[in-house]
Amino acid sequence: MGSRDQAFYTVKEAAVYLRIARATAYSWIQSGLIPCYRLGPKPRPGEPDRRVVRIKAEDLEAFVQEGREVGSF
């Protein structure tokens, strides 16, 4: 997962850190288990959301500290 002083992580980096598939990370983000920030303008109604997704390092650490399942599919 990069250096520990990094403030934000990509979904791919978070998935590697949690030892889960990237699709699982997106699923957990979608369900609200992992908070995220979407960068860029909001899409118009009916358009897909293509904003960049970033996860705050402290949110990811809190997720792990809460004792969530890590490394399970």
PDB file of N, CA and C in Angstrom:
ATOM      1  N   MET A   1       0.823  -1.189   0.000  1.00  0.00           N
ATOM      2  CA  MET A   1       0.000   0.000   0.000  1.00  0.00           C
ATOM      3  C   MET A   1       0.859   1.241   0.000  1.00  0.00           C
ATOM      4  N   GLY A   2       1.815   1.520  -0.617  1.00  0.00           N
ATOM      5  CA  GLY A   2       2.521   2.782  -0.602  1.00  0.00           C
ATOM      6  C   GLY A   2       3.021   3.172   0.775  1.00  0.00           C
ATOM      7  N   SER A   3       3.467   4.403   0.908  1.00  0.00           N
ATOM      8  CA  SER A   3       4.004   4.859   2.181  1.00  0.00           C
ATOM      9  C   SER A   3       2.888   5.171   3.163  1.00  0.00           C
ATOM     10  N   ARG A   4       3.165   5.016   4.446  1.00  0.00           N
ATOM     11  CA  ARG A   4       2.166   5.208   5.496  1.00  0.00           C
ATOM     12  C   ARG A   4       1.756   6.673   5.629  1.00  0.00           C
ATOM     13  N   ASP A   5       2.544   7.609   5.123  1.00  0.00           N
ATOM     14  CA  ASP A   5       2.199   9.011   5.263  1.00  0.00           C
ATOM     15  C   ASP A   5       1.335   9.513   4.109  1.00  0.00           C
ATOM     16  N   GLN A   6       0.922   8.631   3.242  1.00  0.00           N
ATOM     17  CA  GLN A   6       0.055   8.983   2.125  1.00  0.00           C
ATOM     18  C   GLN A   6      -1.331   9.304   2.676  1.00  0.00           C
ATOM     19  N   ALA A   7      -1.948  10.384   2.215  1.00  0.00           N
ATOM     20  CA  ALA A   7      -3.233  10.816   2.759  1.00  0.00           C
ATOM     21  C   ALA A   7      -4.414  10.086   2.130  1.00  0.00           C
ATOM     22  N   PHE A   8      -4.347   9.814   0.841  1.00  0.00           N
ATOM     23  CA  PHE A   8      -5.451   9.168   0.136  1.00  0.00           C
ATOM     24  C   PHE A   8      -4.933   8.000  -0.693  1.00  0.00           C
ATOM     25  N   TYR A   9      -5.793   7.012  -0.896  1.00  0.00           N
ATOM     26  CA  TYR A   9      -5.441   5.834  -1.678  1.00  0.00           C
ATOM     27  C   TYR A   9      -6.452   5.598  -2.777  1.00  0.00           C
ATOM     28  N   THR A  10      -5.996   4.999  -3.839  1.00  0.00           N
ATOM     29  CA  THR A  10      -6.901   4.586  -4.903  1.00  0.00           C
ATOM     30  C   THR A  10      -7.639   3.338  -4.434  1.00  0.00           C
ATOM     31  N   VAL A  11      -8.674   2.966  -5.153  1.00  0.00           N
ATOM     32  CA  VAL A  11      -9.409   1.747  -4.818  1.00  0.00           C
ATOM     33  C   VAL A  11      -8.493   0.538  -4.978  1.00  0.00           C
ATOM     34  N   LYS A  12      -7.673   0.548  -6.001  1.00  0.00           N
ATOM     35  CA  LYS A  12      -6.740  -0.563  -6.225  1.00  0.00           C
ATOM     36  C   LYS A  12      -5.768  -0.703  -5.055  1.00  0.00           C
ATOM     37  N   GLU A  13      -5.199   0.407  -4.593  1.00  0.00           N
ATOM     38  CA  GLU A  13      -4.274   0.369  -3.460  1.00  0.00           C
ATOM     39  C   GLU A  13      -4.968  -0.128  -2.193  1.00  0.00           C
ATOM     40  N   ALA A  14      -6.192   0.327  -1.967  1.00  0.00           N
ATOM     41  CA  ALA A  14      -6.953  -0.118  -0.792  1.00  0.00           C
ATOM     42  C   ALA A  14      -7.248  -1.610  -0.873  1.00  0.00           C
ATOM     43  N   ALA A  15      -7.586  -2.093  -2.054  1.00  0.00           N
ATOM     44  CA  ALA A  15      -7.876  -3.520  -2.243  1.00  0.00           C
ATOM     45  C   ALA A  15      -6.636  -4.361  -1.960  1.00  0.00           C
ATOM     46  N   VAL A  16      -5.484  -3.906  -2.418  1.00  0.00           N
ATOM     47  CA  VAL A  16      -4.234  -4.628  -2.159  1.00  0.00           C
ATOM     48  C   VAL A  16      -3.968  -4.658  -0.652  1.00  0.00           C
ATOM     49  N   TYR A  17      -4.141  -3.532   0.001  1.00  0.00           N
ATOM     50  CA  TYR A  17      -3.918  -3.438   1.444  1.00  0.00           C
ATOM     51  C   TYR A  17      -4.842  -4.383   2.216  1.00  0.00           C
ATOM     52  N   LEU A  18      -6.103  -4.444   1.803  1.00  0.00           N
ATOM     53  CA  LEU A  18      -7.090  -5.289   2.484  1.00  0.00           C
ATOM     54  C   LEU A  18      -7.052  -6.743   2.022  1.00  0.00           C
ATOM     55  N   ARG A  19      -6.264  -7.010   0.980  1.00  0.00           N
ATOM     56  CA  ARG A  19      -6.158  -8.349   0.392  1.00  0.00           C
ATOM     57  C   ARG A  19      -7.521  -8.849  -0.099  1.00  0.00           C
ATOM     58  N   ILE A  20      -8.185  -7.977  -0.832  1.00  0.00           N
ATOM     59  CA  ILE A  20      -9.472  -8.312  -1.436  1.00  0.00           C
ATOM     60  C   ILE A  20      -9.419  -7.950  -2.916  1.00  0.00           C
ATOM     61  N   ALA A  21     -10.376  -8.446  -3.664  1.00  0.00           N
ATOM     62  CA  ALA A  21     -10.474  -8.090  -5.080  1.00  0.00           C
ATOM     63  C   ALA A  21     -10.911  -6.631  -5.203  1.00  0.00           C
ATOM     64  N   ARG A  22     -10.492  -5.997  -6.274  1.00  0.00           N
ATOM     65  CA  ARG A  22     -10.888  -4.608  -6.509  1.00  0.00           C
ATOM     66  C   ARG A  22     -12.405  -4.489  -6.604  1.00  0.00           C
ATOM     67  N   ALA A  23     -13.054  -5.477  -7.218  1.00  0.00           N
ATOM     68  CA  ALA A  23     -14.519  -5.465  -7.322  1.00  0.00           C
ATOM     69  C   ALA A  23     -15.167  -5.511  -5.939  1.00  0.00           C
ATOM     70  N   THR A  24     -14.558  -6.245  -5.015  1.00  0.00           N
ATOM     71  CA  THR A  24     -15.075  -6.300  -3.644  1.00  0.00           C
ATOM     72  C   THR A  24     -14.928  -4.941  -2.976  1.00  0.00           C
ATOM     73  N   ALA A  25     -13.800  -4.277  -3.198  1.00  0.00           N
ATOM     74  CA  ALA A  25     -13.594  -2.942  -2.635  1.00  0.00           C
ATOM     75  C   ALA A  25     -14.662  -1.983  -3.151  1.00  0.00           C
ATOM     76  N   TYR A  26     -14.938  -2.024  -4.456  1.00  0.00           N
ATOM     77  CA  TYR A  26     -15.989  -1.164  -5.011  1.00  0.00           C
ATOM     78  C   TYR A  26     -17.346  -1.504  -4.406  1.00  0.00           C
ATOM     79  N   SER A  27     -17.606  -2.784  -4.194  1.00  0.00           N
ATOM     80  CA  SER A  27     -18.867  -3.216  -3.592  1.00  0.00           C
ATOM     81  C   SER A  27     -18.997  -2.681  -2.168  1.00  0.00           C
ATOM     82  N   TRP A  28     -17.924  -2.759  -1.393  1.00  0.00           N
ATOM     83  CA  TRP A  28     -17.942  -2.259  -0.021  1.00  0.00           C
ATOM     84  C   TRP A  28     -18.096  -0.745   0.009  1.00  0.00           C
ATOM     85  N   ILE A  29     -17.502  -0.056  -0.965  1.00  0.00           N
ATOM     86  CA  ILE A  29     -17.672   1.395  -1.071  1.00  0.00           C
ATOM     87  C   ILE A  29     -19.129   1.710  -1.392  1.00  0.00           C
ATOM     88  N   GLN A  30     -19.684   1.000  -2.364  1.00  0.00           N
ATOM     89  CA  GLN A  30     -21.073   1.209  -2.784  1.00  0.00           C
ATOM     90  C   GLN A  30     -22.035   0.994  -1.618  1.00  0.00           C
ATOM     91  N   SER A  31     -21.751  -0.015  -0.781  1.00  0.00           N
ATOM     92  CA  SER A  31     -22.643  -0.329   0.340  1.00  0.00           C
ATOM     93  C   SER A  31     -22.400   0.560   1.555  1.00  0.00           C
ATOM     94  N   GLY A  32     -21.352   1.383   1.511  1.00  0.00           N
ATOM     95  CA  GLY A  32     -21.080   2.304   2.607  1.00  0.00           C
ATOM     96  C   GLY A  32     -20.149   1.763   3.683  1.00  0.00           C
ATOM     97  N   LEU A  33     -19.635   0.553   3.509  1.00  0.00           N
ATOM     98  CA  LEU A  33     -18.705  -0.002   4.502  1.00  0.00           C
ATOM     99  C   LEU A  33     -17.400   0.783   4.557  1.00  0.00           C
ATOM    100  N   ILE A  34     -16.934   1.219   3.393  1.00  0.00           N
ATOM    101  CA  ILE A  34     -15.711   2.020   3.312  1.00  0.00           C
ATOM    102  C   ILE A  34     -16.097   3.394   2.764  1.00  0.00           C
ATOM    103  N   PRO A  35     -15.893   4.455   3.562  1.00  0.00           N
ATOM    104  CA  PRO A  35     -16.204   5.795   3.046  1.00  0.00           C
ATOM    105  C   PRO A  35     -15.204   6.207   1.968  1.00  0.00           C
ATOM    106  N   CYS A  36     -15.676   7.002   1.019  1.00  0.00           N
ATOM    107  CA  CYS A  36     -14.781   7.449  -0.048  1.00  0.00           C
ATOM    108  C   CYS A  36     -15.114   8.876  -0.447  1.00  0.00           C
ATOM    109  N   TYR A  37     -14.242   9.442  -1.239  1.00  0.00           N
ATOM    110  CA  TYR A  37     -14.418  10.780  -1.793  1.00  0.00           C
ATOM    111  C   TYR A  37     -14.394  10.656  -3.304  1.00  0.00           C
ATOM    112  N   ARG A  38     -15.346  11.296  -3.953  1.00  0.00           N
ATOM    113  CA  ARG A  38     -15.413  11.287  -5.415  1.00  0.00           C
ATOM    114  C   ARG A  38     -14.995  12.668  -5.898  1.00  0.00           C
ATOM    115  N   LEU A  39     -13.972  12.694  -6.727  1.00  0.00           N
ATOM    116  CA  LEU A  39     -13.398  13.949  -7.195  1.00  0.00           C
ATOM    117  C   LEU A  39     -13.809  14.227  -8.629  1.00  0.00           C
ATOM    118  N   GLY A  40     -14.221  15.453  -8.874  1.00  0.00           N
ATOM    119  CA  GLY A  40     -14.634  15.848 -10.209  1.00  0.00           C
ATOM    120  C   GLY A  40     -16.092  16.265 -10.208  1.00  0.00           C
ATOM    121  N   PRO A  41     -16.547  16.783 -11.341  1.00  0.00           N
ATOM    122  CA  PRO A  41     -17.939  17.237 -11.417  1.00  0.00           C
ATOM    123  C   PRO A  41     -18.921  16.068 -11.381  1.00  0.00           C
ATOM    124  N   LYS A  42     -20.073  16.322 -10.764  1.00  0.00           N
ATOM    125  CA  LYS A  42     -21.119  15.297 -10.725  1.00  0.00           C
ATOM    126  C   LYS A  42     -21.636  15.049 -12.137  1.00  0.00           C
ATOM    127  N   PRO A  43     -21.957  13.793 -12.431  1.00  0.00           N
ATOM    128  CA  PRO A  43     -22.501  13.501 -13.770  1.00  0.00           C
ATOM    129  C   PRO A  43     -23.938  14.002 -13.892  1.00  0.00           C
ATOM    130  N   ARG A  44     -24.347  14.240 -15.108  1.00  0.00           N
ATOM    131  CA  ARG A  44     -25.738  14.628 -15.361  1.00  0.00           C
ATOM    132  C   ARG A  44     -26.638  13.429 -15.113  1.00  0.00           C
ATOM    133  N   PRO A  45     -27.901  13.664 -14.816  1.00  0.00           N
ATOM    134  CA  PRO A  45     -28.825  12.540 -14.607  1.00  0.00           C
ATOM    135  C   PRO A  45     -28.814  11.591 -15.805  1.00  0.00           C
ATOM    136  N   GLY A  46     -28.716  10.306 -15.515  1.00  0.00           N
ATOM    137  CA  GLY A  46     -28.702   9.301 -16.567  1.00  0.00           C
ATOM    138  C   GLY A  46     -27.321   8.950 -17.091  1.00  0.00           C
ATOM    139  N   GLU A  47     -26.314   9.759 -16.746  1.00  0.00           N
ATOM    140  CA  GLU A  47     -24.944   9.479 -17.179  1.00  0.00           C
ATOM    141  C   GLU A  47     -24.225   8.676 -16.101  1.00  0.00           C
ATOM    142  N   PRO A  48     -23.274   7.821 -16.499  1.00  0.00           N
ATOM    143  CA  PRO A  48     -22.517   7.062 -15.494  1.00  0.00           C
ATOM    144  C   PRO A  48     -21.595   7.973 -14.684  1.00  0.00           C
ATOM    145  N   ASP A  49     -21.345   7.588 -13.452  1.00  0.00           N
ATOM    146  CA  ASP A  49     -20.460   8.358 -12.576  1.00  0.00           C
ATOM    147  C   ASP A  49     -19.021   7.956 -12.858  1.00  0.00           C
ATOM    148  N   ARG A  50     -18.265   8.846 -13.470  1.00  0.00           N
ATOM    149  CA  ARG A  50     -16.874   8.549 -13.833  1.00  0.00           C
ATOM    150  C   ARG A  50     -15.879   9.351 -13.009  1.00  0.00           C
ATOM    151  N   ARG A  51     -16.364   9.874 -11.878  1.00  0.00           N
ATOM    152  CA  ARG A  51     -15.460  10.647 -11.037  1.00  0.00           C
ATOM    153  C   ARG A  51     -14.382   9.743 -10.433  1.00  0.00           C
ATOM    154  N   VAL A  52     -13.264  10.340 -10.116  1.00  0.00           N
ATOM    155  CA  VAL A  52     -12.160   9.624  -9.487  1.00  0.00           C
ATOM    156  C   VAL A  52     -12.542   9.326  -8.042  1.00  0.00           C
ATOM    157  N   VAL A  53     -12.288   8.094  -7.605  1.00  0.00           N
ATOM    158  CA  VAL A  53     -12.611   7.679  -6.237  1.00  0.00           C
ATOM    159  C   VAL A  53     -11.324   7.583  -5.430  1.00  0.00           C
ATOM    160  N   ARG A  54     -11.315   8.207  -4.258  1.00  0.00           N
ATOM    161  CA  ARG A  54     -10.171   8.128  -3.352  1.00  0.00           C
ATOM    162  C   ARG A  54     -10.678   7.786  -1.952  1.00  0.00           C
ATOM    163  N   ILE A  55      -9.847   7.048  -1.221  1.00  0.00           N
ATOM    164  CA  ILE A  55     -10.177   6.630   0.138  1.00  0.00           C
ATOM    165  C   ILE A  55      -9.153   7.255   1.074  1.00  0.00           C
ATOM    166  N   LYS A  56      -9.649   7.950   2.084  1.00  0.00           N
ATOM    167  CA  LYS A  56      -8.775   8.592   3.052  1.00  0.00           C
ATOM    168  C   LYS A  56      -8.057   7.515   3.870  1.00  0.00           C
ATOM    169  N   ALA A  57      -6.753   7.666   4.055  1.00  0.00           N
ATOM    170  CA  ALA A  57      -5.945   6.671   4.766  1.00  0.00           C
ATOM    171  C   ALA A  57      -6.486   6.414   6.166  1.00  0.00           C
ATOM    172  N   GLU A  58      -6.876   7.456   6.871  1.00  0.00           N
ATOM    173  CA  GLU A  58      -7.377   7.265   8.239  1.00  0.00           C
ATOM    174  C   GLU A  58      -8.715   6.528   8.249  1.00  0.00           C
ATOM    175  N   ASP A  59      -9.536   6.702   7.215  1.00  0.00           N
ATOM    176  CA  ASP A  59     -10.792   5.948   7.118  1.00  0.00           C
ATOM    177  C   ASP A  59     -10.518   4.467   6.884  1.00  0.00           C
ATOM    178  N   LEU A  60      -9.517   4.180   6.069  1.00  0.00           N
ATOM    179  CA  LEU A  60      -9.157   2.790   5.798  1.00  0.00           C
ATOM    180  C   LEU A  60      -8.595   2.132   7.059  1.00  0.00           C
ATOM    181  N   GLU A  61      -7.763   2.848   7.791  1.00  0.00           N
ATOM    182  CA  GLU A  61      -7.219   2.327   9.047  1.00  0.00           C
ATOM    183  C   GLU A  61      -8.338   2.088  10.062  1.00  0.00           C
ATOM    184  N   ALA A  62      -9.292   3.007  10.146  1.00  0.00           N
ATOM    185  CA  ALA A  62     -10.422   2.836  11.065  1.00  0.00           C
ATOM    186  C   ALA A  62     -11.233   1.605  10.687  1.00  0.00           C
ATOM    187  N   PHE A  63     -11.417   1.386   9.400  1.00  0.00           N
ATOM    188  CA  PHE A  63     -12.137   0.212   8.914  1.00  0.00           C
ATOM    189  C   PHE A  63     -11.445  -1.061   9.390  1.00  0.00           C
ATOM    190  N   VAL A  64     -10.132  -1.107   9.279  1.00  0.00           N
ATOM    191  CA  VAL A  64      -9.365  -2.278   9.711  1.00  0.00           C
ATOM    192  C   VAL A  64      -9.423  -2.413  11.236  1.00  0.00           C
ATOM    193  N   GLN A  65      -9.292  -1.314  11.950  1.00  0.00           N
ATOM    194  CA  GLN A  65      -9.298  -1.351  13.413  1.00  0.00           C
ATOM    195  C   GLN A  65     -10.644  -1.803  13.981  1.00  0.00           C
ATOM    196  N   GLU A  66     -11.713  -1.581  13.235  1.00  0.00           N
ATOM    197  CA  GLU A  66     -13.039  -2.004  13.687  1.00  0.00           C
ATOM    198  C   GLU A  66     -13.185  -3.518  13.663  1.00  0.00           C
ATOM    199  N   GLY A  67     -12.176  -4.208  13.140  1.00  0.00           N
ATOM    200  CA  GLY A  67     -12.207  -5.659  13.135  1.00  0.00           C
ATOM    201  C   GLY A  67     -12.994  -6.258  11.994  1.00  0.00           C
ATOM    202  N   ARG A  68     -13.129  -5.515  10.913  1.00  0.00           N
ATOM    203  CA  ARG A  68     -13.829  -6.042   9.741  1.00  0.00           C
ATOM    204  C   ARG A  68     -13.060  -7.224   9.176  1.00  0.00           C
ATOM    205  N   GLU A  69     -13.740  -8.062   8.434  1.00  0.00           N
ATOM    206  CA  GLU A  69     -13.099  -9.195   7.770  1.00  0.00           C
ATOM    207  C   GLU A  69     -12.093  -8.661   6.757  1.00  0.00           C
ATOM    208  N   VAL A  70     -10.861  -9.059   6.873  1.00  0.00           N
ATOM    209  CA  VAL A  70      -9.822  -8.652   5.935  1.00  0.00           C
ATOM    210  C   VAL A  70      -9.305  -9.894   5.233  1.00  0.00           C
ATOM    211  N   GLY A  71      -9.244  -9.824   3.914  1.00  0.00           N
ATOM    212  CA  GLY A  71      -8.693 -10.923   3.140  1.00  0.00           C
ATOM    213  C   GLY A  71      -9.670 -12.029   2.838  1.00  0.00           C
ATOM    214  N   SER A  72     -10.951 -11.790   3.049  1.00  0.00           N
ATOM    215  CA  SER A  72     -11.948 -12.817   2.708  1.00  0.00           C
ATOM    216  C   SER A  72     -12.733 -12.364   1.492  1.00  0.00           C
ATOM    217  N   PHE A  73     -13.165 -13.302   0.712  1.00  0.00           N
ATOM    218  CA  PHE A  73     -13.882 -12.974  -0.513  1.00  0.00           C
ATOM    219  C   PHE A  73     -15.331 -13.309  -0.391  1.00  0.00           C
TER     220      PHE A  73
END
